[in-house]
C-alpha atoms as a PDB file:
ATOM      1  CA  MET A   1      11.859 -79.744 -93.133  1.00  0.00           C
ATOM      2  CA  LYS A   2      12.619 -79.379 -89.388  1.00  0.00           C
ATOM      3  CA  LYS A   3      13.578 -75.976 -89.959  1.00  0.00           C
ATOM      4  CA  MET A   4      10.387 -75.013 -91.794  1.00  0.00           C
ATOM      5  CA  ILE A   5       8.105 -76.560 -89.357  1.00  0.00           C
ATOM      6  CA  ILE A   6       9.860 -74.423 -86.573  1.00  0.00           C
ATOM      7  CA  LEU A   7       9.480 -71.420 -88.605  1.00  0.00           C
ATOM      8  CA  VAL A   8       5.919 -72.083 -89.160  1.00  0.00           C
ATOM      9  CA  ALA A   9       5.138 -73.127 -85.577  1.00  0.00           C
ATOM     10  CA  LEU A  10       6.694 -69.621 -84.515  1.00  0.00           C
ATOM     11  CA  GLY A  11       5.184 -67.336 -86.978  1.00  0.00           C
ATOM     12  CA  SER A  12       1.832 -68.849 -85.994  1.00  0.00           C
ATOM     13  CA  ALA A  13       2.568 -68.013 -82.562  1.00  0.00           C
ATOM     14  CA  LEU A  14       3.529 -64.628 -83.195  1.00  0.00           C
ATOM     15  CA  LEU A  15       0.565 -63.881 -85.378  1.00  0.00           C
ATOM     16  CA  ALA A  16      -1.943 -65.310 -82.653  1.00  0.00           C
ATOM     17  CA  SER A  17      -0.348 -63.198 -79.771  1.00  0.00           C
ATOM     18  CA  ALA A  18      -0.786 -60.149 -82.088  1.00  0.00           C
ATOM     19  CA  ALA A  19      -4.265 -60.857 -82.770  1.00  0.00           C
ATOM     20  CA  THR A  20      -5.303 -61.405 -79.140  1.00  0.00           C
ATOM     21  CA  ALA A  21      -3.657 -58.335 -78.081  1.00  0.00           C
ATOM     22  CA  SER A  22      -5.474 -55.940 -80.464  1.00  0.00           C
ATOM     23  CA  ALA A  23      -8.787 -57.736 -80.262  1.00  0.00           C
ATOM     24  CA  GLU A  24      -9.989 -56.002 -76.979  1.00  0.00           C
ATOM     25  CA  GLY A  25     -13.476 -54.975 -77.082  1.00  0.00           C
ATOM     26  CA  CYS A  26     -13.739 -56.217 -80.773  1.00  0.00           C
ATOM     27  CA  LEU A  27     -15.650 -59.524 -80.326  1.00  0.00           C
ATOM     28  CA  LYS A  28     -18.310 -58.346 -78.161  1.00  0.00           C
ATOM     29  CA  GLY A  29     -18.676 -55.480 -80.368  1.00  0.00           C
ATOM     30  CA  ALA A  30     -18.555 -57.613 -83.276  1.00  0.00           C
ATOM     31  CA  LEU A  31     -21.314 -59.956 -82.051  1.00  0.00           C
ATOM     32  CA  VAL A  32     -23.878 -56.891 -80.938  1.00  0.00           C
ATOM     33  CA  GLY A  33     -23.324 -55.497 -84.253  1.00  0.00           C
ATOM     34  CA  ASP A  34     -23.657 -58.634 -86.162  1.00  0.00           C
ATOM     35  CA  VAL A  35     -26.918 -59.163 -84.755  1.00  0.00           C
ATOM     36  CA  ALA A  36     -27.947 -55.509 -85.108  1.00  0.00           C
ATOM     37  CA  GLY A  37     -27.139 -55.649 -88.834  1.00  0.00           C
ATOM     38  CA  HIS A  38     -29.176 -58.707 -89.382  1.00  0.00           C
ATOM     39  CA  TYR A  39     -31.979 -57.185 -87.947  1.00  0.00           C
ATOM     40  CA  ALA A  40     -31.598 -53.976 -89.601  1.00  0.00           C
ATOM     41  CA  GLY A  41     -31.784 -55.444 -93.212  1.00  0.00           C
ATOM     42  CA  HIS A  42     -29.545 -58.319 -93.580  1.00  0.00           C
ATOM     43  CA  HIS A  43     -26.418 -56.331 -92.994  1.00  0.00           C
ATOM     44  CA  ALA A  44     -24.565 -58.611 -90.636  1.00  0.00           C
ATOM     45  CA  VAL A  45     -20.999 -58.360 -91.887  1.00  0.00           C
ATOM     46  CA  VAL A  46     -21.170 -54.395 -91.922  1.00  0.00           C
ATOM     47  CA  GLY A  47     -22.772 -54.444 -88.516  1.00  0.00           C
ATOM     48  CA  ALA A  48     -20.099 -56.818 -87.109  1.00  0.00           C
ATOM     49  CA  VAL A  49     -16.984 -54.473 -88.614  1.00  0.00           C
ATOM     50  CA  GLY A  50     -18.838 -51.522 -87.482  1.00  0.00           C
ATOM     51  CA  GLY A  51     -19.363 -53.288 -83.958  1.00  0.00           C
ATOM     52  CA  CYS A  52     -15.823 -54.366 -84.041  1.00  0.00           C
ATOM     53  CA  VAL A  53     -14.628 -50.580 -84.232  1.00  0.00           C
ATOM     54  CA  VAL A  54     -17.051 -49.246 -81.768  1.00  0.00           C
ATOM     55  CA  GLY A  55     -16.022 -51.751 -79.370  1.00  0.00           C
ATOM     56  CA  ARG A  56     -12.431 -51.476 -79.726  1.00  0.00           C
ATOM     57  CA  HIS A  57     -12.871 -47.617 -79.274  1.00  0.00           C
ATOM     58  CA  LEU A  58     -15.024 -47.940 -75.997  1.00  0.00           C
ATOM     59  CA  ALA A  59     -12.409 -50.765 -74.659  1.00  0.00           C
ATOM     60  CA  LYS A  60      -9.751 -48.168 -75.292  1.00  0.00           C
ATOM     61  CA  GLU A  61     -11.634 -45.280 -73.553  1.00  0.00           C
ATOM     62  CA  LYS A  62     -12.310 -47.543 -70.437  1.00  0.00           C
ATOM     63  CA  ARG A  63      -8.636 -48.388 -70.217  1.00  0.00           C
ATOM     64  CA  LYS A  64      -7.652 -44.885 -70.316  1.00  0.00           C
ATOM     65  CA  GLN A  65     -10.224 -44.057 -67.491  1.00  0.00           C
ATOM     66  CA  ALA A  66      -8.719 -47.244 -65.509  1.00  0.00           C
ATOM     67  CA  ASP A  67      -5.250 -46.064 -66.093  1.00  0.00           C
ATOM     68  CA  ALA A  68      -6.106 -42.308 -64.976  1.00  0.00           C
ATOM     69  CA  GLN A  69      -7.954 -43.807 -61.876  1.00  0.00           C
ATOM     70  CA  ALA A  70      -5.118 -45.897 -60.823  1.00  0.00           C
ATOM     71  CA  LEU A  71      -2.651 -43.076 -61.450  1.00  0.00           C
ATOM     72  CA  ALA A  72      -4.858 -40.780 -59.302  1.00  0.00           C
ATOM     73  CA  GLN A  73      -5.120 -43.490 -56.350  1.00  0.00           C
ATOM     74  CA  GLN A  74      -0.948 -43.824 -56.479  1.00  0.00           C
ATOM     75  CA  GLN A  75      -0.693 -39.825 -56.241  1.00  0.00           C
ATOM     76  CA  ALA A  76      -3.436 -40.006 -53.209  1.00  0.00           C
ATOM     77  CA  GLN A  77      -1.221 -42.573 -51.408  1.00  0.00           C
ATOM     78  CA  LEU A  78       1.870 -40.656 -51.762  1.00  0.00           C
ATOM     79  CA  PRO A  79       3.035 -39.027 -48.373  1.00  0.00           C
ATOM     80  CA  PRO A  80       2.734 -35.081 -48.319  1.00  0.00           C
ATOM     81  CA  THR A  81       6.210 -33.290 -49.182  1.00  0.00           C
ATOM     82  CA  ASP A  82       7.279 -30.375 -46.845  1.00  0.00           C
ATOM     83  CA  ALA A  83       7.472 -27.115 -48.929  1.00  0.00           C
ATOM     84  CA  ARG A  84       9.456 -24.921 -47.322  1.00  0.00           C
END
């Protein structure tokens, strides 16, 4: 019984960490899509799913741009090499 409780707790913790890692941008997009879908003919669920997909895509693009900018700043701070 004690082993089962530990396994359930561990499984829940793993699922919770995986869900939060992949939800970047989805929650905000789903909220906006839900409201837009509701006003566009009572399609709130469809709007929420679409908003989640779009929000996730935009968050990935934003992260990609931030990573590229950080890499450019790191390269700009490197001392110049003496090419002889």
